[in-house]
Amino acid sequence: MQTSTMKLFIRAALLLAGFLTVGASASHAQISVGIVIGAPPPPVVVAVAPERPGPDFIWIEGYWYPVGHHYKWHAGYWTQPPYEGARWVVPRHDGERYYAGYWDGDHGRMEHDHHWDHGHGHGHGHDDH
């Protein structure tokens, strides 16, 4: 009787350890979504930033972004953040996927809308969209 009780106890302990390991791994999982459209974009274009239009404007470096099945250059520009304290997280390409730039801060993440730049106090210092 002791042998079968001991085996049952060991099995239960191993099963519990397995569940705890899987649960711990799943609780740290992160999800990331990217776009696959082929080869990475060409190198960054180097440009000189025009004069700052006001003290509350920040410079956004130019970057490549996907349009259909190709990349389009988004020239650097001055813009006002969507809310005070927001910071720009630059777009990136990891060699396989493109991850769009976005604004982030205390009020949460805001996706960048390329149409936003025109006519909303944004887009100073660029003319390519």
N, C-alpha and C. Protein backbone atom coordinates (compact mmCIF):
# COMPACT_ATOMS: atom_id res chain seq x y z
N MET A 1 0.81 -1.19 0.00
CA MET A 1 0.00 0.00 0.00
C MET A 1 0.85 1.25 0.00
N GLN A 2 1.93 1.24 0.72
CA GLN A 2 2.78 2.43 0.77
C GLN A 2 3.36 2.75 -0.59
N THR A 3 3.75 1.74 -1.37
CA THR A 3 4.35 1.95 -2.68
C THR A 3 3.35 2.61 -3.63
N SER A 4 2.14 2.13 -3.68
CA SER A 4 1.14 2.73 -4.58
C SER A 4 0.77 4.14 -4.12
N THR A 5 0.70 4.38 -2.83
CA THR A 5 0.42 5.73 -2.32
C THR A 5 1.55 6.67 -2.68
N MET A 6 2.81 6.21 -2.55
CA MET A 6 3.97 7.02 -2.88
C MET A 6 3.99 7.36 -4.37
N LYS A 7 3.69 6.37 -5.24
CA LYS A 7 3.66 6.60 -6.68
C LYS A 7 2.58 7.63 -7.04
N LEU A 8 1.43 7.52 -6.42
CA LEU A 8 0.34 8.46 -6.66
C LEU A 8 0.75 9.87 -6.24
N PHE A 9 1.39 9.98 -5.09
CA PHE A 9 1.86 11.28 -4.60
C PHE A 9 2.89 11.89 -5.57
N ILE A 10 3.84 11.09 -6.05
CA ILE A 10 4.87 11.58 -6.99
C ILE A 10 4.23 12.03 -8.30
N ARG A 11 3.29 11.24 -8.81
CA ARG A 11 2.59 11.63 -10.05
C ARG A 11 1.85 12.95 -9.88
N ALA A 12 1.15 13.09 -8.76
CA ALA A 12 0.41 14.33 -8.50
C ALA A 12 1.36 15.52 -8.39
N ALA A 13 2.51 15.32 -7.73
CA ALA A 13 3.49 16.39 -7.58
C ALA A 13 4.06 16.79 -8.94
N LEU A 14 4.40 15.82 -9.77
CA LEU A 14 4.93 16.10 -11.10
C LEU A 14 3.89 16.81 -11.98
N LEU A 15 2.66 16.37 -11.90
CA LEU A 15 1.58 17.00 -12.66
C LEU A 15 1.39 18.45 -12.22
N LEU A 16 1.38 18.69 -10.93
CA LEU A 16 1.25 20.04 -10.40
C LEU A 16 2.42 20.92 -10.85
N ALA A 17 3.64 20.39 -10.79
CA ALA A 17 4.82 21.15 -11.23
C ALA A 17 4.72 21.50 -12.71
N GLY A 18 4.22 20.56 -13.51
CA GLY A 18 4.04 20.82 -14.94
C GLY A 18 3.04 21.94 -15.20
N PHE A 19 1.92 21.92 -14.49
CA PHE A 19 0.91 22.97 -14.65
C PHE A 19 1.47 24.34 -14.23
N LEU A 20 2.21 24.38 -13.15
CA LEU A 20 2.79 25.64 -12.68
C LEU A 20 3.80 26.18 -13.68
N THR A 21 4.60 25.31 -14.28
CA THR A 21 5.58 25.74 -15.28
C THR A 21 4.90 26.31 -16.51
N VAL A 22 3.89 25.61 -17.02
CA VAL A 22 3.16 26.09 -18.20
C VAL A 22 2.44 27.39 -17.88
N GLY A 23 1.82 27.48 -16.72
CA GLY A 23 1.11 28.70 -16.32
C GLY A 23 2.04 29.89 -16.21
N ALA A 24 3.24 29.68 -15.65
CA ALA A 24 4.21 30.77 -15.51
C ALA A 24 4.68 31.24 -16.87
N SER A 25 4.90 30.30 -17.79
CA SER A 25 5.35 30.67 -19.14
C SER A 25 4.27 31.46 -19.87
N ALA A 26 3.03 31.03 -19.76
CA ALA A 26 1.93 31.69 -20.45
C ALA A 26 1.67 33.08 -19.89
N SER A 27 1.89 33.27 -18.59
CA SER A 27 1.61 34.58 -18.00
C SER A 27 2.60 35.64 -18.47
N HIS A 28 3.76 35.26 -18.99
CA HIS A 28 4.75 36.21 -19.48
C HIS A 28 4.74 36.32 -21.00
N ALA A 29 3.81 35.67 -21.66
CA ALA A 29 3.75 35.71 -23.13
C ALA A 29 3.34 37.09 -23.59
N GLN A 30 3.91 37.53 -24.72
CA GLN A 30 3.57 38.81 -25.32
C GLN A 30 3.17 38.56 -26.76
N ILE A 31 2.26 39.39 -27.23
CA ILE A 31 1.81 39.27 -28.60
C ILE A 31 2.27 40.50 -29.36
N SER A 32 2.79 40.28 -30.57
CA SER A 32 3.23 41.38 -31.42
C SER A 32 2.76 41.08 -32.83
N VAL A 33 2.25 42.09 -33.51
CA VAL A 33 1.74 41.92 -34.85
C VAL A 33 2.59 42.73 -35.81
N GLY A 34 3.01 42.12 -36.89
CA GLY A 34 3.80 42.82 -37.90
C GLY A 34 3.26 42.53 -39.28
N ILE A 35 3.80 43.22 -40.28
CA ILE A 35 3.38 43.06 -41.67
C ILE A 35 4.53 42.43 -42.43
N VAL A 36 4.25 41.41 -43.23
CA VAL A 36 5.27 40.78 -44.06
C VAL A 36 4.99 41.18 -45.50
N ILE A 37 5.92 41.95 -46.12
CA ILE A 37 5.75 42.34 -47.53
C ILE A 37 7.03 42.21 -48.33
N GLY A 38 8.00 41.50 -47.81
CA GLY A 38 9.22 41.29 -48.59
C GLY A 38 10.44 41.87 -47.92
N ALA A 39 11.39 42.24 -48.76
CA ALA A 39 12.69 42.72 -48.29
C ALA A 39 12.54 43.97 -47.44
N PRO A 40 13.48 44.17 -46.50
CA PRO A 40 13.46 45.38 -45.68
C PRO A 40 13.59 46.63 -46.54
N PRO A 41 13.13 47.76 -46.03
CA PRO A 41 13.23 49.00 -46.79
C PRO A 41 14.68 49.43 -46.97
N PRO A 42 14.90 50.34 -47.93
CA PRO A 42 16.25 50.87 -48.13
C PRO A 42 16.73 51.65 -46.91
N PRO A 43 18.02 51.98 -46.86
CA PRO A 43 18.53 52.74 -45.71
C PRO A 43 17.81 54.07 -45.53
N VAL A 44 17.90 54.60 -44.33
CA VAL A 44 17.28 55.88 -44.00
C VAL A 44 17.90 57.00 -44.84
N VAL A 45 17.07 57.91 -45.29
CA VAL A 45 17.53 59.08 -46.03
C VAL A 45 17.99 60.12 -45.02
N VAL A 46 19.16 60.69 -45.23
CA VAL A 46 19.68 61.70 -44.30
C VAL A 46 19.23 63.07 -44.79
N ALA A 47 18.64 63.87 -43.89
CA ALA A 47 18.15 65.20 -44.23
C ALA A 47 18.39 66.14 -43.05
N VAL A 48 18.41 67.43 -43.34
CA VAL A 48 18.57 68.45 -42.30
C VAL A 48 17.19 68.94 -41.91
N ALA A 49 16.93 68.97 -40.61
CA ALA A 49 15.63 69.41 -40.11
C ALA A 49 15.50 70.93 -40.28
N PRO A 50 14.36 71.40 -40.78
CA PRO A 50 14.13 72.84 -40.85
C PRO A 50 13.96 73.42 -39.44
N GLU A 51 13.90 74.72 -39.37
CA GLU A 51 13.77 75.40 -38.08
C GLU A 51 12.50 74.96 -37.36
N ARG A 52 12.59 74.79 -36.06
CA ARG A 52 11.46 74.38 -35.23
C ARG A 52 10.37 75.46 -35.27
N PRO A 53 9.10 75.09 -35.58
CA PRO A 53 8.03 76.08 -35.69
C PRO A 53 7.53 76.60 -34.34
N GLY A 54 7.81 75.92 -33.27
CA GLY A 54 7.36 76.37 -31.95
C GLY A 54 7.95 75.47 -30.87
N PRO A 55 7.91 75.92 -29.61
CA PRO A 55 8.54 75.17 -28.52
C PRO A 55 7.88 73.83 -28.21
N ASP A 56 6.62 73.66 -28.58
CA ASP A 56 5.93 72.41 -28.27
C ASP A 56 5.98 71.39 -29.41
N PHE A 57 6.81 71.65 -30.43
CA PHE A 57 6.94 70.74 -31.56
C PHE A 57 8.14 69.82 -31.35
N ILE A 58 8.02 68.59 -31.83
CA ILE A 58 9.15 67.67 -31.81
C ILE A 58 9.42 67.19 -33.23
N TRP A 59 10.67 66.85 -33.51
CA TRP A 59 11.07 66.39 -34.83
C TRP A 59 10.89 64.89 -34.94
N ILE A 60 10.19 64.44 -35.96
CA ILE A 60 10.03 63.02 -36.25
C ILE A 60 10.94 62.72 -37.45
N GLU A 61 11.93 61.85 -37.23
CA GLU A 61 12.84 61.47 -38.31
C GLU A 61 12.05 60.80 -39.43
N GLY A 62 12.53 60.96 -40.66
CA GLY A 62 11.90 60.29 -41.79
C GLY A 62 12.01 58.78 -41.67
N TYR A 63 11.09 58.06 -42.29
CA TYR A 63 11.11 56.60 -42.23
C TYR A 63 10.34 56.02 -43.41
N TRP A 64 10.60 54.76 -43.70
CA TRP A 64 9.89 54.02 -44.73
C TRP A 64 8.71 53.31 -44.09
N TYR A 65 7.57 53.29 -44.81
CA TYR A 65 6.40 52.56 -44.31
C TYR A 65 5.73 51.84 -45.48
N PRO A 66 5.07 50.72 -45.21
CA PRO A 66 4.48 49.93 -46.30
C PRO A 66 3.19 50.54 -46.84
N VAL A 67 3.09 50.49 -48.16
CA VAL A 67 1.87 50.87 -48.88
C VAL A 67 1.66 49.78 -49.92
N GLY A 68 0.64 48.99 -49.73
CA GLY A 68 0.43 47.86 -50.64
C GLY A 68 1.58 46.87 -50.53
N HIS A 69 2.25 46.64 -51.66
CA HIS A 69 3.36 45.68 -51.68
C HIS A 69 4.71 46.35 -51.87
N HIS A 70 4.81 47.61 -51.45
CA HIS A 70 6.09 48.32 -51.52
C HIS A 70 6.20 49.28 -50.34
N TYR A 71 7.34 49.92 -50.22
CA TYR A 71 7.55 50.90 -49.15
C TYR A 71 7.55 52.30 -49.73
N LYS A 72 7.05 53.24 -48.94
CA LYS A 72 7.02 54.65 -49.32
C LYS A 72 7.78 55.44 -48.26
N TRP A 73 8.51 56.47 -48.71
CA TRP A 73 9.27 57.30 -47.79
C TRP A 73 8.37 58.35 -47.15
N HIS A 74 8.43 58.46 -45.84
CA HIS A 74 7.72 59.50 -45.09
C HIS A 74 8.80 60.44 -44.60
N ALA A 75 8.91 61.61 -45.21
CA ALA A 75 9.96 62.57 -44.86
C ALA A 75 9.84 63.02 -43.41
N GLY A 76 10.95 63.39 -42.81
CA GLY A 76 10.94 63.89 -41.45
C GLY A 76 10.15 65.18 -41.36
N TYR A 77 9.61 65.45 -40.18
CA TYR A 77 8.77 66.64 -40.01
C TYR A 77 8.63 67.02 -38.54
N TRP A 78 8.27 68.27 -38.32
CA TRP A 78 7.94 68.75 -36.97
C TRP A 78 6.47 68.46 -36.71
N THR A 79 6.14 68.07 -35.51
CA THR A 79 4.75 67.82 -35.15
C THR A 79 4.54 68.04 -33.66
N GLN A 80 3.31 68.20 -33.30
CA GLN A 80 2.94 68.30 -31.88
C GLN A 80 2.42 66.94 -31.44
N PRO A 81 2.87 66.45 -30.29
CA PRO A 81 2.36 65.17 -29.81
C PRO A 81 0.84 65.23 -29.60
N PRO A 82 0.16 64.10 -29.67
CA PRO A 82 -1.30 64.09 -29.53
C PRO A 82 -1.76 64.51 -28.13
N TYR A 83 -0.88 64.37 -27.13
CA TYR A 83 -1.18 64.83 -25.78
C TYR A 83 0.14 65.10 -25.06
N GLU A 84 0.09 65.93 -24.03
CA GLU A 84 1.30 66.29 -23.30
C GLU A 84 1.96 65.05 -22.69
N GLY A 85 3.25 64.93 -22.89
CA GLY A 85 4.00 63.80 -22.35
C GLY A 85 4.08 62.60 -23.28
N ALA A 86 3.35 62.63 -24.40
CA ALA A 86 3.41 61.51 -25.35
C ALA A 86 4.78 61.50 -26.01
N ARG A 87 5.29 60.31 -26.26
CA ARG A 87 6.58 60.17 -26.94
C ARG A 87 6.38 59.31 -28.18
N TRP A 88 7.17 59.59 -29.21
CA TRP A 88 7.10 58.87 -30.47
C TRP A 88 7.96 57.62 -30.39
N VAL A 89 7.38 56.48 -30.69
CA VAL A 89 8.11 55.22 -30.78
C VAL A 89 8.31 54.97 -32.27
N VAL A 90 9.57 54.98 -32.71
CA VAL A 90 9.89 54.93 -34.13
C VAL A 90 9.47 53.60 -34.76
N PRO A 91 9.08 53.66 -36.05
CA PRO A 91 8.78 52.43 -36.76
C PRO A 91 10.08 51.61 -36.90
N ARG A 92 9.91 50.30 -37.06
CA ARG A 92 11.11 49.48 -37.22
C ARG A 92 10.82 48.28 -38.11
N HIS A 93 11.88 47.71 -38.62
CA HIS A 93 11.79 46.51 -39.44
C HIS A 93 12.82 45.54 -38.90
N ASP A 94 12.41 44.33 -38.56
CA ASP A 94 13.33 43.36 -37.95
C ASP A 94 13.99 42.43 -38.96
N GLY A 95 13.89 42.76 -40.26
CA GLY A 95 14.44 41.90 -41.29
C GLY A 95 13.39 41.03 -41.93
N GLU A 96 12.27 40.86 -41.25
CA GLU A 96 11.16 40.08 -41.78
C GLU A 96 9.85 40.84 -41.74
N ARG A 97 9.61 41.56 -40.64
CA ARG A 97 8.33 42.24 -40.44
C ARG A 97 8.53 43.72 -40.16
N TYR A 98 7.54 44.50 -40.57
CA TYR A 98 7.52 45.94 -40.30
C TYR A 98 6.58 46.18 -39.13
N TYR A 99 7.02 47.03 -38.19
CA TYR A 99 6.20 47.44 -37.05
C TYR A 99 6.03 48.95 -37.12
N ALA A 100 4.81 49.40 -37.23
CA ALA A 100 4.51 50.82 -37.41
C ALA A 100 4.89 51.64 -36.17
N GLY A 101 5.22 52.91 -36.41
CA GLY A 101 5.48 53.83 -35.30
C GLY A 101 4.17 54.23 -34.63
N TYR A 102 4.27 54.68 -33.40
CA TYR A 102 3.08 55.08 -32.67
C TYR A 102 3.46 56.02 -31.53
N TRP A 103 2.49 56.70 -30.99
CA TRP A 103 2.67 57.56 -29.83
C TRP A 103 2.34 56.76 -28.58
N ASP A 104 3.10 56.99 -27.51
CA ASP A 104 2.84 56.28 -26.26
C ASP A 104 3.13 57.21 -25.09
N GLY A 105 2.46 56.99 -23.98
CA GLY A 105 2.66 57.80 -22.78
C GLY A 105 1.63 57.45 -21.73
N ASP A 106 1.46 58.37 -20.79
CA ASP A 106 0.55 58.14 -19.67
C ASP A 106 -0.91 57.95 -20.08
N HIS A 107 -1.30 58.48 -21.23
CA HIS A 107 -2.69 58.35 -21.69
C HIS A 107 -2.86 57.20 -22.67
N GLY A 108 -1.84 56.36 -22.79
CA GLY A 108 -1.93 55.17 -23.63
C GLY A 108 -1.35 55.35 -25.01
N ARG A 109 -1.44 54.29 -25.75
CA ARG A 109 -0.89 54.20 -27.10
C ARG A 109 -1.86 54.79 -28.11
N MET A 110 -1.32 55.55 -29.05
CA MET A 110 -2.11 56.09 -30.16
C MET A 110 -1.38 55.75 -31.44
N GLU A 111 -2.07 55.07 -32.34
CA GLU A 111 -1.47 54.71 -33.62
C GLU A 111 -1.29 55.97 -34.47
N HIS A 112 -0.25 55.98 -35.28
CA HIS A 112 0.00 57.12 -36.16
C HIS A 112 -0.88 57.02 -37.39
N ASP A 113 -1.53 58.10 -37.74
CA ASP A 113 -2.36 58.18 -38.94
C ASP A 113 -1.67 59.17 -39.88
N HIS A 114 -1.24 58.69 -41.06
CA HIS A 114 -0.51 59.55 -41.99
C HIS A 114 -1.35 60.74 -42.46
N HIS A 115 -2.66 60.65 -42.38
CA HIS A 115 -3.52 61.78 -42.77
C HIS A 115 -3.57 62.84 -41.67
N TRP A 116 -3.26 62.46 -40.44
CA TRP A 116 -3.28 63.37 -39.29
C TRP A 116 -2.32 64.53 -39.49
N ASP A 117 -1.20 64.28 -40.15
CA ASP A 117 -0.14 65.28 -40.27
C ASP A 117 -0.56 66.53 -41.03
N HIS A 118 -1.51 66.41 -41.91
CA HIS A 118 -1.93 67.56 -42.72
C HIS A 118 -3.08 68.30 -42.06
N GLY A 119 -2.88 69.58 -41.76
CA GLY A 119 -3.97 70.43 -41.31
C GLY A 119 -4.31 70.34 -39.83
N HIS A 120 -3.51 69.69 -39.00
CA HIS A 120 -3.79 69.61 -37.57
C HIS A 120 -2.62 70.15 -36.75
N GLY A 121 -1.90 71.13 -37.28
CA GLY A 121 -0.74 71.64 -36.56
C GLY A 121 0.43 70.67 -36.66
N HIS A 122 0.33 69.71 -37.56
CA HIS A 122 1.35 68.71 -37.75
C HIS A 122 1.93 68.86 -39.15
N GLY A 123 3.02 68.19 -39.36
CA GLY A 123 3.54 68.10 -40.71
C GLY A 123 4.39 69.27 -41.14
N HIS A 124 4.86 70.09 -40.25
CA HIS A 124 5.72 71.21 -40.63
C HIS A 124 7.08 70.68 -41.05
N GLY A 125 7.54 71.13 -42.20
CA GLY A 125 8.88 70.78 -42.63
C GLY A 125 8.94 69.55 -43.54
N HIS A 126 7.82 69.12 -44.09
CA HIS A 126 7.88 68.03 -45.07
C HIS A 126 6.77 68.23 -46.10
N ASP A 127 7.01 67.62 -47.25
CA ASP A 127 6.00 67.75 -48.30
C ASP A 127 5.79 66.42 -49.01
N ASP A 128 6.29 65.32 -48.47
CA ASP A 128 6.14 64.03 -49.11
C ASP A 128 5.29 63.11 -48.25
N HIS A 129 4.19 62.66 -48.83
CA HIS A 129 3.35 61.67 -48.14
C HIS A 129 2.95 60.63 -49.13
